[in-house]
């Protein structure tokens, strides 16, 4: 006899012992364990805020030449606030020309994209005609998570709406690749089952607070293998307001163009070469030098950035990750290799154009 069957038999026995008739209302929470009651309460409170996101694209039929609307993908999202803003993964809506958001009551609403951050795999949508009384999720603090803490995932795996899975935090501080090929750092790893269609859904703690956005799985088969990843809510709280206000992430700039990571790897360079310094921007004012052409017509490397504020810079991703943690007006120390020497330059970051 399976554990589920034994549990059902126990519940029926308890109902019979309580003297409840067939028409009586039974409070099943009274028969649940404390952990089960917590899970059911969280699901009941949070599920109205979880939505199903479907995207379609326009394609021309090769035979009739008619333009047709075809399904492109689907995933999960959640209501950010009662104004009708929805947060989901960027890869759920990438390339979509029409978006439909289905609420828990199965009502369908057209939506538009108002902001994207491919480097964090996040996107914000707006319902064009939001209904009244939309529910949202309380925000937690992902810095308070620890390995072993209980977490719950709600989503729409394989199109099966409002599905709950539970598990624990398996690890913290993981790194995964974003759709833009940037690394997303500080990612939460969980064994709560996450399958295709769960992307963009909420990861909740035992208080029912949002602690992450489910974004990826690690599996040879493409289905859950007990290793799922979620973008921490502290990253979400930083990025989403920017997407709402500006449509993209804002980061302070130095005013340089850097060599590509592929070029850096090809020539085995330690650090990130500066290809170009834009005039009248902070790097130019600080005296940073870009590559130049010699009298013979050969390209000569200029400054190579090897560290910022003492933190090593080995790739474009390292460079951008450091700047994302700074603000406009912050003063940073950039260590560059200039020929055979190293030099520190003080640069005050400016606003991105």
C-alpha atoms as a PDB file:
ATOM      1  CA  UNK A   1       0.000   0.000   0.000  1.00  0.00           C
ATOM      2  CA  UNK A   2       1.429   3.369  -1.005  1.00  0.00           C
ATOM      3  CA  UNK A   3       1.950   6.209   1.458  1.00  0.00           C
ATOM      4  CA  UNK A   4      -0.776   8.253  -0.271  1.00  0.00           C
ATOM      5  CA  UNK A   5      -3.307   5.431   0.035  1.00  0.00           C
ATOM      6  CA  UNK A   6      -2.427   4.910   3.700  1.00  0.00           C
ATOM      7  CA  UNK A   7      -2.849   8.639   4.351  1.00  0.00           C
ATOM      8  CA  UNK A   8      -6.244   8.660   2.620  1.00  0.00           C
ATOM      9  CA  UNK A   9      -7.360   5.636   4.632  1.00  0.00           C
ATOM     10  CA  UNK A  10      -6.267   7.366   7.834  1.00  0.00           C
ATOM     11  CA  UNK A  11      -8.198  10.509   6.940  1.00  0.00           C
ATOM     12  CA  UNK A  12     -11.335   8.501   6.173  1.00  0.00           C
ATOM     13  CA  UNK A  13     -11.000   6.672   9.454  1.00  0.00           C
ATOM     14  CA  UNK A  14     -10.643   9.963  11.317  1.00  0.00           C
ATOM     15  CA  UNK A  15     -13.710  11.374   9.544  1.00  0.00           C
ATOM     16  CA  UNK A  16     -15.702   8.275  10.453  1.00  0.00           C
ATOM     17  CA  UNK A  17     -14.536   8.459  14.057  1.00  0.00           C
ATOM     18  CA  UNK A  18     -15.547  12.099  14.264  1.00  0.00           C
ATOM     19  CA  UNK A  19     -19.128  11.195  13.411  1.00  0.00           C
ATOM     20  CA  UNK A  20     -19.337  13.438  10.340  1.00  0.00           C
ATOM     21  CA  UNK A  21     -22.091  12.504   7.920  1.00  0.00           C
ATOM     22  CA  UNK A  22     -21.840  12.506   4.128  1.00  0.00           C
ATOM     23  CA  UNK A  23     -23.306  16.001   3.925  1.00  0.00           C
ATOM     24  CA  UNK A  24     -21.121  17.482   6.656  1.00  0.00           C
ATOM     25  CA  UNK A  25     -18.294  19.890   5.814  1.00  0.00           C
ATOM     26  CA  UNK A  26     -14.919  18.485   6.872  1.00  0.00           C
ATOM     27  CA  UNK A  27     -12.007  20.760   7.775  1.00  0.00           C
ATOM     28  CA  UNK A  28      -9.171  18.723   6.320  1.00  0.00           C
ATOM     29  CA  UNK A  29      -6.619  21.158   7.743  1.00  0.00           C
ATOM     30  CA  UNK A  30      -7.483  19.793  11.176  1.00  0.00           C
ATOM     31  CA  UNK A  31      -6.271  16.344  10.055  1.00  0.00           C
ATOM     32  CA  UNK A  32      -3.094  17.589   8.357  1.00  0.00           C
ATOM     33  CA  UNK A  33       0.329  17.759   9.904  1.00  0.00           C
ATOM     34  CA  UNK A  34       1.697  21.192  10.732  1.00  0.00           C
ATOM     35  CA  UNK A  35       3.888  21.132   7.623  1.00  0.00           C
ATOM     36  CA  UNK A  36       1.013  20.016   5.392  1.00  0.00           C
ATOM     37  CA  UNK A  37      -1.241  22.734   6.791  1.00  0.00           C
ATOM     38  CA  UNK A  38       1.480  25.314   6.099  1.00  0.00           C
ATOM     39  CA  UNK A  39       1.827  24.087   2.505  1.00  0.00           C
ATOM     40  CA  UNK A  40      -1.920  24.214   1.870  1.00  0.00           C
ATOM     41  CA  UNK A  41      -2.268  27.678   3.380  1.00  0.00           C
ATOM     42  CA  UNK A  42       0.583  29.051   1.265  1.00  0.00           C
ATOM     43  CA  UNK A  43      -0.835  27.534  -1.921  1.00  0.00           C
ATOM     44  CA  UNK A  44      -4.318  28.887  -1.212  1.00  0.00           C
ATOM     45  CA  UNK A  45      -2.988  32.385  -0.571  1.00  0.00           C
ATOM     46  CA  UNK A  46      -0.402  32.530  -3.383  1.00  0.00           C
ATOM     47  CA  UNK A  47      -2.026  30.712  -6.311  1.00  0.00           C
ATOM     48  CA  UNK A  48      -4.401  33.602  -7.259  1.00  0.00           C
ATOM     49  CA  UNK A  49      -1.299  35.688  -8.037  1.00  0.00           C
ATOM     50  CA  UNK A  50       0.220  33.077 -10.376  1.00  0.00           C
ATOM     51  CA  UNK A  51      -0.603  33.407 -14.085  1.00  0.00           C
ATOM     52  CA  UNK A  52      -0.136  31.422 -17.282  1.00  0.00           C
ATOM     53  CA  UNK A  53       1.714  33.276 -20.045  1.00  0.00           C
ATOM     54  CA  UNK A  54       1.398  32.192 -23.682  1.00  0.00           C
ATOM     55  CA  UNK A  55       3.095  33.812 -26.649  1.00  0.00           C
ATOM     56  CA  UNK A  56       2.442  33.698 -30.364  1.00  0.00           C
ATOM     57  CA  UNK A  57       4.359  34.928 -33.402  1.00  0.00           C
ATOM     58  CA  UNK A  58       3.401  35.814 -36.958  1.00  0.00           C
ATOM     59  CA  UNK A  59       4.690  33.600 -39.764  1.00  0.00           C
ATOM     60  CA  UNK A  60       3.974  33.511 -43.479  1.00  0.00           C
ATOM     61  CA  UNK A  61       2.567  30.225 -44.764  1.00  0.00           C
ATOM     62  CA  UNK A  62       4.976  28.837 -47.380  1.00  0.00           C
ATOM     63  CA  UNK A  63       2.147  27.516 -49.538  1.00  0.00           C
ATOM     64  CA  UNK A  64      -0.607  30.138 -49.282  1.00  0.00           C
ATOM     65  CA  UNK A  65       1.689  33.106 -48.409  1.00  0.00           C
ATOM     66  CA  UNK A  66      -0.921  34.100 -45.822  1.00  0.00           C
ATOM     67  CA  UNK A  67       0.336  35.492 -42.535  1.00  0.00           C
ATOM     68  CA  UNK A  68      -0.637  33.165 -39.701  1.00  0.00           C
ATOM     69  CA  UNK A  69      -0.395  33.371 -35.941  1.00  0.00           C
ATOM     70  CA  UNK A  70       1.423  30.376 -34.501  1.00  0.00           C
ATOM     71  CA  UNK A  71       2.159  29.369 -30.874  1.00  0.00           C
ATOM     72  CA  UNK A  72       5.676  30.255 -29.823  1.00  0.00           C
ATOM     73  CA  UNK A  73       5.911  29.256 -26.200  1.00  0.00           C
ATOM     74  CA  UNK A  74       4.358  29.311 -22.773  1.00  0.00           C
ATOM     75  CA  UNK A  75       5.399  29.704 -19.198  1.00  0.00           C
ATOM     76  CA  UNK A  76       4.432  31.100 -15.851  1.00  0.00           C
ATOM     77  CA  UNK A  77       4.413  34.544 -14.322  1.00  0.00           C
ATOM     78  CA  UNK A  78       3.038  36.293 -11.272  1.00  0.00           C
ATOM     79  CA  UNK A  79       1.209  39.509 -10.532  1.00  0.00           C
ATOM     80  CA  UNK A  80       3.606  42.211  -9.351  1.00  0.00           C
ATOM     81  CA  UNK A  81       0.963  44.704  -8.270  1.00  0.00           C
ATOM     82  CA  UNK A  82      -2.738  45.416  -8.612  1.00  0.00           C
ATOM     83  CA  UNK A  83      -2.185  47.760 -11.571  1.00  0.00           C
ATOM     84  CA  UNK A  84      -1.772  44.681 -13.783  1.00  0.00           C
ATOM     85  CA  UNK A  85       2.013  44.343 -13.979  1.00  0.00           C
ATOM     86  CA  UNK A  86       3.262  40.777 -14.426  1.00  0.00           C
ATOM     87  CA  UNK A  87       6.799  39.447 -13.922  1.00  0.00           C
ATOM     88  CA  UNK A  88       8.071  36.462 -15.879  1.00  0.00           C
ATOM     89  CA  UNK A  89      11.258  35.178 -17.536  1.00  0.00           C
ATOM     90  CA  UNK A  90      12.614  36.940 -20.600  1.00  0.00           C
ATOM     91  CA  UNK A  91      12.985  33.626 -22.443  1.00  0.00           C
ATOM     92  CA  UNK A  92       9.248  32.983 -22.001  1.00  0.00           C
ATOM     93  CA  UNK A  93       8.308  36.050 -24.071  1.00  0.00           C
ATOM     94  CA  UNK A  94      11.351  36.430 -26.345  1.00  0.00           C
ATOM     95  CA  UNK A  95      10.326  36.888 -29.983  1.00  0.00           C
ATOM     96  CA  UNK A  96       6.619  37.056 -29.182  1.00  0.00           C
ATOM     97  CA  UNK A  97       4.336  39.321 -31.169  1.00  0.00           C
ATOM     98  CA  UNK A  98       1.271  38.663 -29.084  1.00  0.00           C
ATOM     99  CA  UNK A  99       1.043  37.771 -25.410  1.00  0.00           C
ATOM    100  CA  UNK A 100      -1.892  36.341 -23.502  1.00  0.00           C
ATOM    101  CA  UNK A 101      -2.023  36.103 -19.714  1.00  0.00           C
ATOM    102  CA  UNK A 102      -4.488  33.663 -18.159  1.00  0.00           C
ATOM    103  CA  UNK A 103      -5.494  34.295 -14.566  1.00  0.00           C
ATOM    104  CA  UNK A 104      -6.504  31.666 -12.031  1.00  0.00           C
ATOM    105  CA  UNK A 105     -10.197  32.191 -12.848  1.00  0.00           C
ATOM    106  CA  UNK A 106      -9.279  31.177 -16.444  1.00  0.00           C
ATOM    107  CA  UNK A 107     -10.013  34.644 -17.818  1.00  0.00           C
ATOM    108  CA  UNK A 108      -7.642  35.621 -20.631  1.00  0.00           C
ATOM    109  CA  UNK A 109      -6.109  39.066 -21.010  1.00  0.00           C
ATOM    110  CA  UNK A 110      -3.867  40.530 -23.684  1.00  0.00           C
ATOM    111  CA  UNK A 111      -0.579  41.929 -22.422  1.00  0.00           C
ATOM    112  CA  UNK A 112       2.299  44.041 -23.670  1.00  0.00           C
ATOM    113  CA  UNK A 113       5.984  44.032 -22.803  1.00  0.00           C
ATOM    114  CA  UNK A 114       7.110  47.143 -20.937  1.00  0.00           C
ATOM    115  CA  UNK A 115      10.605  46.085 -19.925  1.00  0.00           C
ATOM    116  CA  UNK A 116      13.162  43.334 -20.498  1.00  0.00           C
ATOM    117  CA  UNK A 117      16.467  42.326 -18.925  1.00  0.00           C
ATOM    118  CA  UNK A 118      17.888  39.424 -20.973  1.00  0.00           C
ATOM    119  CA  UNK A 119      21.042  39.530 -18.838  1.00  0.00           C
ATOM    120  CA  UNK A 120      18.922  38.577 -15.793  1.00  0.00           C
ATOM    121  CA  UNK A 121      16.290  36.551 -17.716  1.00  0.00           C
ATOM    122  CA  UNK A 122      13.520  38.817 -16.429  1.00  0.00           C
ATOM    123  CA  UNK A 123      10.690  40.658 -18.157  1.00  0.00           C
ATOM    124  CA  UNK A 124       7.762  42.802 -17.048  1.00  0.00           C
ATOM    125  CA  UNK A 125       4.394  42.726 -18.844  1.00  0.00           C
ATOM    126  CA  UNK A 126       1.330  44.917 -18.451  1.00  0.00           C
ATOM    127  CA  UNK A 127      -2.236  43.655 -18.814  1.00  0.00           C
ATOM    128  CA  UNK A 128      -3.958  45.939 -21.317  1.00  0.00           C
ATOM    129  CA  UNK A 129      -7.268  45.746 -19.440  1.00  0.00           C
ATOM    130  CA  UNK A 130      -6.478  44.573 -15.910  1.00  0.00           C
ATOM    131  CA  UNK A 131      -9.458  43.389 -13.851  1.00  0.00           C
ATOM    132  CA  UNK A 132     -10.077  44.741 -10.380  1.00  0.00           C
ATOM    133  CA  UNK A 133      -8.891  42.973  -7.286  1.00  0.00           C
ATOM    134  CA  UNK A 134      -5.682  41.425  -8.598  1.00  0.00           C
ATOM    135  CA  UNK A 135      -3.680  39.577  -5.940  1.00  0.00           C
ATOM    136  CA  UNK A 136       0.087  39.979  -5.588  1.00  0.00           C
ATOM    137  CA  UNK A 137       2.783  38.191  -3.601  1.00  0.00           C
ATOM    138  CA  UNK A 138       4.600  39.507  -0.514  1.00  0.00           C
ATOM    139  CA  UNK A 139       8.321  39.915  -1.154  1.00  0.00           C
ATOM    140  CA  UNK A 140      10.854  38.100   0.998  1.00  0.00           C
ATOM    141  CA  UNK A 141      14.602  38.469   1.441  1.00  0.00           C
ATOM    142  CA  UNK A 142      16.733  35.914  -0.400  1.00  0.00           C
ATOM    143  CA  UNK A 143      19.765  36.823   1.720  1.00  0.00           C
ATOM    144  CA  UNK A 144      18.040  35.106   4.649  1.00  0.00           C
ATOM    145  CA  UNK A 145      17.805  31.761   2.842  1.00  0.00           C
ATOM    146  CA  UNK A 146      19.950  28.843   3.923  1.00  0.00           C
ATOM    147  CA  UNK A 147      20.453  25.335   2.603  1.00  0.00           C
ATOM    148  CA  UNK A 148      17.696  23.052   3.866  1.00  0.00           C
ATOM    149  CA  UNK A 149      14.994  25.731   4.124  1.00  0.00           C
ATOM    150  CA  UNK A 150      11.625  24.677   2.758  1.00  0.00           C
ATOM    151  CA  UNK A 151      10.544  26.229  -0.550  1.00  0.00           C
ATOM    152  CA  UNK A 152       7.472  25.868  -2.756  1.00  0.00           C
ATOM    153  CA  UNK A 153       7.151  26.375  -6.514  1.00  0.00           C
ATOM    154  CA  UNK A 154       3.871  27.169  -8.267  1.00  0.00           C
ATOM    155  CA  UNK A 155       3.667  27.066 -12.041  1.00  0.00           C
ATOM    156  CA  UNK A 156       2.181  25.602 -15.185  1.00  0.00           C
ATOM    157  CA  UNK A 157       4.438  22.679 -16.170  1.00  0.00           C
ATOM    158  CA  UNK A 158       3.568  21.214 -19.572  1.00  0.00           C
ATOM    159  CA  UNK A 159       0.524  23.519 -19.621  1.00  0.00           C
ATOM    160  CA  UNK A 160      -0.995  22.006 -16.461  1.00  0.00           C
ATOM    161  CA  UNK A 161      -2.163  25.113 -14.674  1.00  0.00           C
ATOM    162  CA  UNK A 162      -1.491  26.044 -11.045  1.00  0.00           C
ATOM    163  CA  UNK A 163       0.697  23.088 -10.095  1.00  0.00           C
ATOM    164  CA  UNK A 164       2.415  22.998  -6.721  1.00  0.00           C
ATOM    165  CA  UNK A 165       5.728  21.310  -5.947  1.00  0.00           C
ATOM    166  CA  UNK A 166       7.706  21.474  -2.728  1.00  0.00           C
ATOM    167  CA  UNK A 167      11.310  20.935  -1.766  1.00  0.00           C
ATOM    168  CA  UNK A 168      14.219  22.593  -0.043  1.00  0.00           C
ATOM    169  CA  UNK A 169      16.994  25.005  -0.889  1.00  0.00           C
ATOM    170  CA  UNK A 170      19.711  22.664  -2.179  1.00  0.00           C
ATOM    171  CA  UNK A 171      22.464  25.245  -2.622  1.00  0.00           C
ATOM    172  CA  UNK A 172      23.057  28.980  -2.827  1.00  0.00           C
ATOM    173  CA  UNK A 173      25.355  31.162  -4.899  1.00  0.00           C
ATOM    174  CA  UNK A 174      25.085  29.149  -8.111  1.00  0.00           C
ATOM    175  CA  UNK A 175      25.739  30.656 -11.557  1.00  0.00           C
ATOM    176  CA  UNK A 176      23.716  30.015 -14.715  1.00  0.00           C
ATOM    177  CA  UNK A 177      23.782  31.429 -18.240  1.00  0.00           C
ATOM    178  CA  UNK A 178      21.196  34.025 -19.188  1.00  0.00           C
ATOM    179  CA  UNK A 179      19.677  34.185 -22.714  1.00  0.00           C
ATOM    180  CA  UNK A 180      22.159  37.001 -23.410  1.00  0.00           C
ATOM    181  CA  UNK A 181      25.030  34.603 -22.499  1.00  0.00           C
ATOM    182  CA  UNK A 182      25.785  36.706 -19.416  1.00  0.00           C
ATOM    183  CA  UNK A 183      26.194  34.885 -16.125  1.00  0.00           C
ATOM    184  CA  UNK A 184      23.465  35.271 -13.514  1.00  0.00           C
ATOM    185  CA  UNK A 185      25.171  35.069 -10.139  1.00  0.00           C
ATOM    186  CA  UNK A 186      23.858  34.202  -6.697  1.00  0.00           C
ATOM    187  CA  UNK A 187      21.229  31.829  -8.099  1.00  0.00           C
ATOM    188  CA  UNK A 188      19.182  29.577  -5.794  1.00  0.00           C
ATOM    189  CA  UNK A 189      19.320  25.820  -6.429  1.00  0.00           C
ATOM    190  CA  UNK A 190      16.307  23.779  -5.316  1.00  0.00           C
ATOM    191  CA  UNK A 191      15.046  20.216  -5.565  1.00  0.00           C
ATOM    192  CA  UNK A 192      11.420  21.375  -5.845  1.00  0.00           C
ATOM    193  CA  UNK A 193      10.326  19.872  -9.154  1.00  0.00           C
ATOM    194  CA  UNK A 194      10.619  22.452 -11.941  1.00  0.00           C
ATOM    195  CA  UNK A 195       9.601  21.375 -15.446  1.00  0.00           C
ATOM    196  CA  UNK A 196       9.131  23.120 -18.803  1.00  0.00           C
ATOM    197  CA  UNK A 197       6.349  25.636 -18.262  1.00  0.00           C
ATOM    198  CA  UNK A 198       7.396  26.463 -14.689  1.00  0.00           C
ATOM    199  CA  UNK A 199       9.723  29.190 -15.992  1.00  0.00           C
ATOM    200  CA  UNK A 200       8.827  32.600 -14.615  1.00  0.00           C
ATOM    201  CA  UNK A 201       6.841  31.219 -11.698  1.00  0.00           C
ATOM    202  CA  UNK A 202       7.381  32.096  -8.045  1.00  0.00           C
ATOM    203  CA  UNK A 203       9.547  30.251  -5.557  1.00  0.00           C
ATOM    204  CA  UNK A 204       8.115  30.822  -2.086  1.00  0.00           C
ATOM    205  CA  UNK A 205       9.364  30.298   1.448  1.00  0.00           C
ATOM    206  CA  UNK A 206       7.393  28.813   4.347  1.00  0.00           C
ATOM    207  CA  UNK A 207       5.975  32.278   5.116  1.00  0.00           C
ATOM    208  CA  UNK A 208       4.455  32.484   1.639  1.00  0.00           C
ATOM    209  CA  UNK A 209       6.910  35.204   0.597  1.00  0.00           C
ATOM    210  CA  UNK A 210       8.511  35.387  -2.833  1.00  0.00           C
ATOM    211  CA  UNK A 211      12.177  34.398  -2.568  1.00  0.00           C
ATOM    212  CA  UNK A 212      12.952  33.617  -6.212  1.00  0.00           C
ATOM    213  CA  UNK A 213      11.758  33.360  -9.810  1.00  0.00           C
ATOM    214  CA  UNK A 214      12.065  29.861 -11.250  1.00  0.00           C
ATOM    215  CA  UNK A 215      14.094  30.071 -14.419  1.00  0.00           C
ATOM    216  CA  UNK A 216      15.896  26.868 -15.407  1.00  0.00           C
ATOM    217  CA  UNK A 217      16.417  23.181 -14.800  1.00  0.00           C
ATOM    218  CA  UNK A 218      19.449  20.978 -15.140  1.00  0.00           C
ATOM    219  CA  UNK A 219      18.396  17.728 -16.730  1.00  0.00           C
ATOM    220  CA  UNK A 220      19.657  15.405 -19.493  1.00  0.00           C
ATOM    221  CA  UNK A 221      16.035  14.658 -20.458  1.00  0.00           C
ATOM    222  CA  UNK A 222      14.642  18.203 -20.304  1.00  0.00           C
ATOM    223  CA  UNK A 223      12.341  17.315 -17.397  1.00  0.00           C
ATOM    224  CA  UNK A 224      12.873  17.696 -13.675  1.00  0.00           C
ATOM    225  CA  UNK A 225      15.811  15.757 -12.297  1.00  0.00           C
ATOM    226  CA  UNK A 226      15.816  17.377  -8.881  1.00  0.00           C
ATOM    227  CA  UNK A 227      18.016  20.323  -9.886  1.00  0.00           C
ATOM    228  CA  UNK A 228      16.200  23.570 -10.512  1.00  0.00           C
ATOM    229  CA  UNK A 229      17.343  27.174 -10.385  1.00  0.00           C
ATOM    230  CA  UNK A 230      15.666  30.413  -9.369  1.00  0.00           C
ATOM    231  CA  UNK A 231      16.724  34.041  -9.674  1.00  0.00           C
ATOM    232  CA  UNK A 232      16.895  35.424  -6.103  1.00  0.00           C
ATOM    233  CA  UNK A 233      14.201  37.909  -5.140  1.00  0.00           C
ATOM    234  CA  UNK A 234      16.778  40.518  -4.083  1.00  0.00           C
ATOM    235  CA  UNK A 235      17.911  40.638  -7.720  1.00  0.00           C
ATOM    236  CA  UNK A 236      14.268  40.849  -8.821  1.00  0.00           C
ATOM    237  CA  UNK A 237      13.598  43.738  -6.415  1.00  0.00           C
ATOM    238  CA  UNK A 238      16.528  45.610  -7.925  1.00  0.00           C
ATOM    239  CA  UNK A 239      15.777  44.930 -11.593  1.00  0.00           C
ATOM    240  CA  UNK A 240      11.967  45.079 -11.877  1.00  0.00           C
ATOM    241  CA  UNK A 241      11.551  48.742 -10.790  1.00  0.00           C
ATOM    242  CA  UNK A 242      14.111  49.701 -13.448  1.00  0.00           C
ATOM    243  CA  UNK A 243      12.202  47.763 -16.107  1.00  0.00           C
ATOM    244  CA  UNK A 244       8.962  49.434 -15.073  1.00  0.00           C
ATOM    245  CA  UNK A 245      10.458  52.940 -15.160  1.00  0.00           C
ATOM    246  CA  UNK A 246      12.915  52.695 -18.066  1.00  0.00           C
ATOM    247  CA  UNK A 247      12.151  49.484 -19.944  1.00  0.00           C
ATOM    248  CA  UNK A 248      15.691  48.186 -19.364  1.00  0.00           C
ATOM    249  CA  UNK A 249      18.370  47.856 -16.728  1.00  0.00           C
ATOM    250  CA  UNK A 250      20.364  50.967 -15.998  1.00  0.00           C
ATOM    251  CA  UNK A 251      23.995  50.701 -15.062  1.00  0.00           C
ATOM    252  CA  UNK A 252      26.616  53.416 -14.652  1.00  0.00           C
ATOM    253  CA  UNK A 253      29.223  53.617 -17.390  1.00  0.00           C
ATOM    254  CA  UNK A 254      32.891  54.447 -17.857  1.00  0.00           C
ATOM    255  CA  UNK A 255      32.620  55.166 -21.560  1.00  0.00           C
ATOM    256  CA  UNK A 256      34.668  52.377 -23.126  1.00  0.00           C
ATOM    257  CA  UNK A 257      34.311  49.676 -25.734  1.00  0.00           C
ATOM    258  CA  UNK A 258      35.960  46.401 -24.752  1.00  0.00           C
ATOM    259  CA  UNK A 259      37.356  43.514 -26.768  1.00  0.00           C
ATOM    260  CA  UNK A 260      35.067  40.484 -27.047  1.00  0.00           C
ATOM    261  CA  UNK A 261      35.571  37.504 -24.755  1.00  0.00           C
ATOM    262  CA  UNK A 262      36.161  35.304 -27.801  1.00  0.00           C
ATOM    263  CA  UNK A 263      39.000  37.553 -28.935  1.00  0.00           C
ATOM    264  CA  UNK A 264      40.438  37.602 -25.397  1.00  0.00           C
ATOM    265  CA  UNK A 265      40.409  33.790 -25.214  1.00  0.00           C
ATOM    266  CA  UNK A 266      41.845  33.447 -28.713  1.00  0.00           C
ATOM    267  CA  UNK A 267      44.945  35.470 -27.870  1.00  0.00           C
ATOM    268  CA  UNK A 268      45.240  34.347 -24.259  1.00  0.00           C
ATOM    269  CA  UNK A 269      45.108  37.851 -22.798  1.00  0.00           C
ATOM    270  CA  UNK A 270      44.828  38.256 -19.030  1.00  0.00           C
ATOM    271  CA  UNK A 271      42.349  41.040 -18.454  1.00  0.00           C
ATOM    272  CA  UNK A 272      40.037  42.910 -20.822  1.00  0.00           C
ATOM    273  CA  UNK A 273      41.599  45.151 -23.499  1.00  0.00           C
ATOM    274  CA  UNK A 274      40.071  48.563 -24.099  1.00  0.00           C
ATOM    275  CA  UNK A 275      39.301  48.864 -27.806  1.00  0.00           C
ATOM    276  CA  UNK A 276      37.938  52.398 -27.774  1.00  0.00           C
ATOM    277  CA  UNK A 277      37.546  55.252 -25.319  1.00  0.00           C
ATOM    278  CA  UNK A 278      34.586  57.533 -26.011  1.00  0.00           C
ATOM    279  CA  UNK A 279      35.415  61.244 -25.848  1.00  0.00           C
ATOM    280  CA  UNK A 280      34.197  63.462 -22.995  1.00  0.00           C
ATOM    281  CA  UNK A 281      33.148  60.495 -20.863  1.00  0.00           C
ATOM    282  CA  UNK A 282      34.700  59.395 -17.529  1.00  0.00           C
ATOM    283  CA  UNK A 283      37.301  56.987 -18.973  1.00  0.00           C
ATOM    284  CA  UNK A 284      38.524  59.653 -21.392  1.00  0.00           C
ATOM    285  CA  UNK A 285      38.748  62.260 -18.646  1.00  0.00           C
ATOM    286  CA  UNK A 286      40.719  59.823 -16.459  1.00  0.00           C
ATOM    287  CA  UNK A 287      43.258  59.181 -19.233  1.00  0.00           C
ATOM    288  CA  UNK A 288      42.327  55.616 -20.169  1.00  0.00           C
ATOM    289  CA  UNK A 289      43.784  54.617 -23.556  1.00  0.00           C
ATOM    290  CA  UNK A 290      42.196  52.512 -26.257  1.00  0.00           C
ATOM    291  CA  UNK A 291      43.841  50.500 -29.036  1.00  0.00           C
ATOM    292  CA  UNK A 292      45.478  52.472 -31.826  1.00  0.00           C
ATOM    293  CA  UNK A 293      47.150  51.948 -35.187  1.00  0.00           C
ATOM    294  CA  UNK A 294      50.913  52.371 -35.379  1.00  0.00           C
ATOM    295  CA  UNK A 295      52.828  54.186 -38.119  1.00  0.00           C
ATOM    296  CA  UNK A 296      53.237  50.804 -39.839  1.00  0.00           C
ATOM    297  CA  UNK A 297      49.492  50.288 -39.827  1.00  0.00           C
ATOM    298  CA  UNK A 298      49.587  47.627 -37.111  1.00  0.00           C
ATOM    299  CA  UNK A 299      46.988  47.604 -34.329  1.00  0.00           C
ATOM    300  CA  UNK A 300      48.602  48.177 -30.941  1.00  0.00           C
ATOM    301  CA  UNK A 301      46.836  47.302 -27.718  1.00  0.00           C
ATOM    302  CA  UNK A 302      46.092  50.151 -25.395  1.00  0.00           C
ATOM    303  CA  UNK A 303      45.181  49.708 -21.739  1.00  0.00           C
ATOM    304  CA  UNK A 304      44.091  46.299 -20.469  1.00  0.00           C
ATOM    305  CA  UNK A 305      41.721  46.406 -17.498  1.00  0.00           C
ATOM    306  CA  UNK A 306      42.835  43.788 -14.972  1.00  0.00           C
ATOM    307  CA  UNK A 307      40.912  44.857 -11.852  1.00  0.00           C
ATOM    308  CA  UNK A 308      38.289  47.260 -10.530  1.00  0.00           C
ATOM    309  CA  UNK A 309      38.447  48.201  -6.857  1.00  0.00           C
ATOM    310  CA  UNK A 310      40.809  45.287  -6.350  1.00  0.00           C
ATOM    311  CA  UNK A 311      38.446  42.708  -7.891  1.00  0.00           C
ATOM    312  CA  UNK A 312      39.936  40.786 -10.839  1.00  0.00           C
ATOM    313  CA  UNK A 313      38.459  41.432 -14.281  1.00  0.00           C
ATOM    314  CA  UNK A 314      38.990  38.532 -16.674  1.00  0.00           C
ATOM    315  CA  UNK A 315      35.990  38.916 -18.986  1.00  0.00           C
ATOM    316  CA  UNK A 316      33.293  41.318 -20.112  1.00  0.00           C
ATOM    317  CA  UNK A 317      30.948  39.572 -17.696  1.00  0.00           C
ATOM    318  CA  UNK A 318      33.251  40.322 -14.765  1.00  0.00           C
ATOM    319  CA  UNK A 319      33.429  43.964 -15.856  1.00  0.00           C
ATOM    320  CA  UNK A 320      29.643  44.365 -16.180  1.00  0.00           C
ATOM    321  CA  UNK A 321      28.895  42.474 -12.959  1.00  0.00           C
ATOM    322  CA  UNK A 322      31.054  44.912 -10.997  1.00  0.00           C
ATOM    323  CA  UNK A 323      29.492  48.006 -12.593  1.00  0.00           C
ATOM    324  CA  UNK A 324      25.972  46.671 -11.920  1.00  0.00           C
ATOM    325  CA  UNK A 325      26.710  46.969  -8.205  1.00  0.00           C
ATOM    326  CA  UNK A 326      27.785  50.612  -8.499  1.00  0.00           C
ATOM    327  CA  UNK A 327      25.748  53.786  -8.860  1.00  0.00           C
ATOM    328  CA  UNK A 328      26.077  56.904 -10.974  1.00  0.00           C
ATOM    329  CA  UNK A 329      28.571  59.194  -9.268  1.00  0.00           C
ATOM    330  CA  UNK A 330      30.488  56.380  -7.563  1.00  0.00           C
ATOM    331  CA  UNK A 331      34.256  56.707  -7.752  1.00  0.00           C
ATOM    332  CA  UNK A 332      36.075  53.486  -8.663  1.00  0.00           C
ATOM    333  CA  UNK A 333      39.720  52.534  -8.988  1.00  0.00           C
ATOM    334  CA  UNK A 334      40.495  50.839 -12.297  1.00  0.00           C
ATOM    335  CA  UNK A 335      43.765  48.938 -12.489  1.00  0.00           C
ATOM    336  CA  UNK A 336      45.134  48.742 -16.024  1.00  0.00           C
ATOM    337  CA  UNK A 337      48.165  47.116 -17.572  1.00  0.00           C
ATOM    338  CA  UNK A 338      49.886  49.622 -19.802  1.00  0.00           C
ATOM    339  CA  UNK A 339      52.797  47.990 -21.570  1.00  0.00           C
ATOM    340  CA  UNK A 340      54.846  46.256 -18.879  1.00  0.00           C
ATOM    341  CA  UNK A 341      53.524  48.399 -16.040  1.00  0.00           C
ATOM    342  CA  UNK A 342      50.321  48.521 -14.003  1.00  0.00           C
ATOM    343  CA  UNK A 343      48.618  51.783 -13.160  1.00  0.00           C
ATOM    344  CA  UNK A 344      45.589  52.741 -11.046  1.00  0.00           C
ATOM    345  CA  UNK A 345      43.149  55.277 -12.474  1.00  0.00           C
ATOM    346  CA  UNK A 346      40.343  56.893 -10.476  1.00  0.00           C
ATOM    347  CA  UNK A 347      37.139  57.142 -12.499  1.00  0.00           C
ATOM    348  CA  UNK A 348      33.786  58.656 -11.530  1.00  0.00           C
ATOM    349  CA  UNK A 349      30.953  56.721 -13.168  1.00  0.00           C
ATOM    350  CA  UNK A 350      28.335  58.549 -15.216  1.00  0.00           C
ATOM    351  CA  UNK A 351      24.815  57.734 -16.339  1.00  0.00           C
ATOM    352  CA  UNK A 352      24.282  55.452 -19.336  1.00  0.00           C
ATOM    353  CA  UNK A 353      23.092  57.210 -22.444  1.00  0.00           C
END
